[in-house]
PDB file of N, CA and C in Angstrom:
ATOM      1  N   UNK A   1      -6.755 -11.671   3.548  1.00  0.00           N
ATOM      2  CA  UNK A   1      -6.874 -10.465   2.767  1.00  0.00           C
ATOM      3  C   UNK A   1      -6.195 -10.725   1.424  1.00  0.00           C
ATOM      4  N   UNK A   2      -6.909 -10.521   0.383  1.00  0.00           N
ATOM      5  CA  UNK A   2      -6.351 -10.757  -0.950  1.00  0.00           C
ATOM      6  C   UNK A   2      -6.101  -9.428  -1.628  1.00  0.00           C
ATOM      7  N   UNK A   3      -4.831  -9.060  -1.695  1.00  0.00           N
ATOM      8  CA  UNK A   3      -4.438  -7.839  -2.399  1.00  0.00           C
ATOM      9  C   UNK A   3      -3.571  -8.271  -3.566  1.00  0.00           C
ATOM     10  N   UNK A   4      -4.041  -8.011  -4.767  1.00  0.00           N
ATOM     11  CA  UNK A   4      -3.263  -8.333  -5.959  1.00  0.00           C
ATOM     12  C   UNK A   4      -2.445  -7.101  -6.309  1.00  0.00           C
ATOM     13  N   UNK A   5      -1.125  -7.276  -6.290  1.00  0.00           N
ATOM     14  CA  UNK A   5      -0.249  -6.131  -6.478  1.00  0.00           C
ATOM     15  C   UNK A   5       0.920  -6.532  -7.357  1.00  0.00           C
ATOM     16  N   UNK A   6       1.306  -5.696  -8.307  1.00  0.00           N
ATOM     17  CA  UNK A   6       2.430  -6.014  -9.189  1.00  0.00           C
ATOM     18  C   UNK A   6       3.726  -6.158  -8.394  1.00  0.00           C
ATOM     19  N   UNK A   7       4.475  -7.176  -8.696  1.00  0.00           N
ATOM     20  CA  UNK A   7       5.742  -7.436  -8.010  1.00  0.00           C
ATOM     21  C   UNK A   7       6.684  -6.246  -8.103  1.00  0.00           C
ATOM     22  N   UNK A   8       6.674  -5.572  -9.225  1.00  0.00           N
ATOM     23  CA  UNK A   8       7.577  -4.435  -9.433  1.00  0.00           C
ATOM     24  C   UNK A   8       7.320  -3.287  -8.462  1.00  0.00           C
ATOM     25  N   UNK A   9       6.109  -3.209  -7.915  1.00  0.00           N
ATOM     26  CA  UNK A   9       5.771  -2.116  -7.005  1.00  0.00           C
ATOM     27  C   UNK A   9       5.745  -2.525  -5.536  1.00  0.00           C
ATOM     28  N   UNK A  10       6.126  -3.755  -5.226  1.00  0.00           N
ATOM     29  CA  UNK A  10       6.083  -4.214  -3.839  1.00  0.00           C
ATOM     30  C   UNK A  10       6.992  -3.405  -2.922  1.00  0.00           C
ATOM     31  N   UNK A  11       8.167  -3.053  -3.394  1.00  0.00           N
ATOM     32  CA  UNK A  11       9.073  -2.255  -2.559  1.00  0.00           C
ATOM     33  C   UNK A  11       8.465  -0.901  -2.233  1.00  0.00           C
ATOM     34  N   UNK A  12       7.808  -0.296  -3.199  1.00  0.00           N
ATOM     35  CA  UNK A  12       7.155   0.989  -2.964  1.00  0.00           C
ATOM     36  C   UNK A  12       6.018   0.836  -1.950  1.00  0.00           C
ATOM     37  N   UNK A  13       5.278  -0.272  -2.031  1.00  0.00           N
ATOM     38  CA  UNK A  13       4.199  -0.526  -1.083  1.00  0.00           C
ATOM     39  C   UNK A  13       4.764  -0.724   0.322  1.00  0.00           C
ATOM     40  N   UNK A  14       5.821  -1.496   0.437  1.00  0.00           N
ATOM     41  CA  UNK A  14       6.450  -1.723   1.744  1.00  0.00           C
ATOM     42  C   UNK A  14       6.939  -0.407   2.334  1.00  0.00           C
ATOM     43  N   UNK A  15       7.527   0.434   1.508  1.00  0.00           N
ATOM     44  CA  UNK A  15       8.004   1.730   1.995  1.00  0.00           C
ATOM     45  C   UNK A  15       6.834   2.607   2.438  1.00  0.00           C
ATOM     46  N   UNK A  16       5.742   2.572   1.714  1.00  0.00           N
ATOM     47  CA  UNK A  16       4.549   3.335   2.105  1.00  0.00           C
ATOM     48  C   UNK A  16       4.008   2.859   3.452  1.00  0.00           C
ATOM     49  N   UNK A  17       3.995   1.547   3.646  1.00  0.00           N
ATOM     50  CA  UNK A  17       3.534   0.978   4.918  1.00  0.00           C
ATOM     51  C   UNK A  17       4.458   1.417   6.052  1.00  0.00           C
ATOM     52  N   UNK A  18       5.748   1.361   5.825  1.00  0.00           N
ATOM     53  CA  UNK A  18       6.710   1.778   6.857  1.00  0.00           C
ATOM     54  C   UNK A  18       6.540   3.248   7.212  1.00  0.00           C
ATOM     55  N   UNK A  19       6.396   4.091   6.201  1.00  0.00           N
ATOM     56  CA  UNK A  19       6.214   5.521   6.453  1.00  0.00           C
ATOM     57  C   UNK A  19       4.917   5.791   7.218  1.00  0.00           C
ATOM     58  N   UNK A  20       3.854   5.111   6.816  1.00  0.00           N
ATOM     59  CA  UNK A  20       2.571   5.289   7.483  1.00  0.00           C
ATOM     60  C   UNK A  20       2.682   4.873   8.953  1.00  0.00           C
ATOM     61  N   UNK A  21       3.260   3.715   9.199  1.00  0.00           N
ATOM     62  CA  UNK A  21       3.395   3.213  10.568  1.00  0.00           C
ATOM     63  C   UNK A  21       4.256   4.140  11.418  1.00  0.00           C
ATOM     64  N   UNK A  22       5.334   4.654  10.854  1.00  0.00           N
ATOM     65  CA  UNK A  22       6.215   5.553  11.599  1.00  0.00           C
ATOM     66  C   UNK A  22       5.520   6.877  11.888  1.00  0.00           C
ATOM     67  N   UNK A  23       4.788   7.394  10.927  1.00  0.00           N
ATOM     68  CA  UNK A  23       4.094   8.663  11.101  1.00  0.00           C
ATOM     69  C   UNK A  23       2.993   8.554  12.153  1.00  0.00           C
ATOM     70  N   UNK A  24       2.236   7.458  12.108  1.00  0.00           N
ATOM     71  CA  UNK A  24       1.097   7.288  13.003  1.00  0.00           C
ATOM     72  C   UNK A  24       1.468   6.540  14.291  1.00  0.00           C
ATOM     73  N   UNK A  25       2.696   6.040  14.355  1.00  0.00           N
ATOM     74  CA  UNK A  25       3.221   5.328  15.526  1.00  0.00           C
ATOM     75  C   UNK A  25       2.327   4.159  15.947  1.00  0.00           C
ATOM     76  N   UNK A  26       1.925   3.397  14.938  1.00  0.00           N
ATOM     77  CA  UNK A  26       1.113   2.196  15.178  1.00  0.00           C
ATOM     78  C   UNK A  26       1.149   1.314  13.934  1.00  0.00           C
ATOM     79  N   UNK A  27       0.641   0.118  14.082  1.00  0.00           N
ATOM     80  CA  UNK A  27       0.567  -0.800  12.956  1.00  0.00           C
ATOM     81  C   UNK A  27      -0.510  -0.341  11.971  1.00  0.00           C
ATOM     82  N   UNK A  28      -0.360  -0.765  10.743  1.00  0.00           N
ATOM     83  CA  UNK A  28      -1.315  -0.449   9.682  1.00  0.00           C
ATOM     84  C   UNK A  28      -2.446  -1.481   9.737  1.00  0.00           C
ATOM     85  N   UNK A  29      -3.680  -1.014   9.646  1.00  0.00           N
ATOM     86  CA  UNK A  29      -4.816  -1.939   9.614  1.00  0.00           C
ATOM     87  C   UNK A  29      -4.986  -2.500   8.202  1.00  0.00           C
ATOM     88  N   UNK A  30      -5.805  -3.510   8.071  1.00  0.00           N
ATOM     89  CA  UNK A  30      -6.070  -4.092   6.766  1.00  0.00           C
ATOM     90  C   UNK A  30      -6.691  -3.108   5.799  1.00  0.00           C
ATOM     91  N   UNK A  31      -7.608  -2.316   6.284  1.00  0.00           N
ATOM     92  CA  UNK A  31      -8.263  -1.302   5.455  1.00  0.00           C
ATOM     93  C   UNK A  31      -7.256  -0.256   4.990  1.00  0.00           C
ATOM     94  N   UNK A  32      -6.367   0.146   5.890  1.00  0.00           N
ATOM     95  CA  UNK A  32      -5.347   1.136   5.534  1.00  0.00           C
ATOM     96  C   UNK A  32      -4.362   0.562   4.523  1.00  0.00           C
ATOM     97  N   UNK A  33      -4.021  -0.716   4.667  1.00  0.00           N
ATOM     98  CA  UNK A  33      -3.132  -1.376   3.710  1.00  0.00           C
ATOM     99  C   UNK A  33      -3.766  -1.393   2.325  1.00  0.00           C
ATOM    100  N   UNK A  34      -5.039  -1.722   2.272  1.00  0.00           N
ATOM    101  CA  UNK A  34      -5.736  -1.723   0.988  1.00  0.00           C
ATOM    102  C   UNK A  34      -5.761  -0.325   0.380  1.00  0.00           C
ATOM    103  N   UNK A  35      -5.946   0.674   1.206  1.00  0.00           N
ATOM    104  CA  UNK A  35      -5.967   2.056   0.729  1.00  0.00           C
ATOM    105  C   UNK A  35      -4.597   2.475   0.203  1.00  0.00           C
ATOM    106  N   UNK A  36      -3.543   2.123   0.924  1.00  0.00           N
ATOM    107  CA  UNK A  36      -2.186   2.442   0.471  1.00  0.00           C
ATOM    108  C   UNK A  36      -1.895   1.771  -0.871  1.00  0.00           C
ATOM    109  N   UNK A  37      -2.294   0.516  -1.003  1.00  0.00           N
ATOM    110  CA  UNK A  37      -2.078  -0.219  -2.251  1.00  0.00           C
ATOM    111  C   UNK A  37      -2.863   0.421  -3.392  1.00  0.00           C
ATOM    112  N   UNK A  38      -4.109   0.781  -3.131  1.00  0.00           N
ATOM    113  CA  UNK A  38      -4.941   1.404  -4.169  1.00  0.00           C
ATOM    114  C   UNK A  38      -4.351   2.749  -4.597  1.00  0.00           C
ATOM    115  N   UNK A  39      -3.861   3.528  -3.635  1.00  0.00           N
ATOM    116  CA  UNK A  39      -3.252   4.820  -3.959  1.00  0.00           C
ATOM    117  C   UNK A  39      -2.014   4.644  -4.839  1.00  0.00           C
ATOM    118  N   UNK A  40      -1.181   3.666  -4.518  1.00  0.00           N
ATOM    119  CA  UNK A  40       0.019   3.414  -5.326  1.00  0.00           C
ATOM    120  C   UNK A  40      -0.359   2.970  -6.734  1.00  0.00           C
ATOM    121  N   UNK A  41      -1.340   2.081  -6.825  1.00  0.00           N
ATOM    122  CA  UNK A  41      -1.774   1.615  -8.136  1.00  0.00           C
ATOM    123  C   UNK A  41      -2.305   2.772  -8.965  1.00  0.00           C
ATOM    124  N   UNK A  42      -3.112   3.627  -8.345  1.00  0.00           N
ATOM    125  CA  UNK A  42      -3.683   4.769  -9.049  1.00  0.00           C
ATOM    126  C   UNK A  42      -2.564   5.710  -9.507  1.00  0.00           C
ATOM    127  N   UNK A  43      -1.591   5.937  -8.634  1.00  0.00           N
ATOM    128  CA  UNK A  43      -0.474   6.824  -8.960  1.00  0.00           C
ATOM    129  C   UNK A  43       0.336   6.299 -10.153  1.00  0.00           C
ATOM    130  N   UNK A  44       0.402   4.976 -10.297  1.00  0.00           N
ATOM    131  CA  UNK A  44       1.167   4.369 -11.393  1.00  0.00           C
ATOM    132  C   UNK A  44       0.292   3.977 -12.577  1.00  0.00           C
ATOM    133  N   UNK A  45      -0.968   4.400 -12.553  1.00  0.00           N
ATOM    134  CA  UNK A  45      -1.859   4.171 -13.688  1.00  0.00           C
ATOM    135  C   UNK A  45      -2.324   2.732 -13.847  1.00  0.00           C
ATOM    136  N   UNK A  46      -2.393   2.005 -12.753  1.00  0.00           N
ATOM    137  CA  UNK A  46      -2.846   0.608 -12.790  1.00  0.00           C
ATOM    138  C   UNK A  46      -4.288   0.514 -12.328  1.00  0.00           C
ATOM    139  N   UNK A  47      -5.018  -0.540 -12.729  1.00  0.00           N
ATOM    140  CA  UNK A  47      -6.412  -0.686 -12.300  1.00  0.00           C
ATOM    141  C   UNK A  47      -6.510  -0.922 -10.793  1.00  0.00           C
ATOM    142  N   UNK A  48      -7.688  -0.627 -10.234  1.00  0.00           N
ATOM    143  CA  UNK A  48      -7.913  -0.815  -8.797  1.00  0.00           C
ATOM    144  C   UNK A  48      -7.789  -2.281  -8.401  1.00  0.00           C
ATOM    145  N   UNK A  49      -7.855  -2.492  -7.081  1.00  0.00           N
ATOM    146  CA  UNK A  49      -7.710  -3.842  -6.516  1.00  0.00           C
ATOM    147  C   UNK A  49      -8.784  -4.763  -6.983  1.00  0.00           C
TER     148      UNK A  49
END
């Protein structure tokens, strides 16, 4: 899986993954990871994946 993500936002992505996993009580799928990354990028005004 190739997700290009700014280094400065990696901590925010990791925290989003942790919150998602804790809320749903399961591991994050690849599709969900891509969606979380895209949402963070959009929120910070960065281009899509």
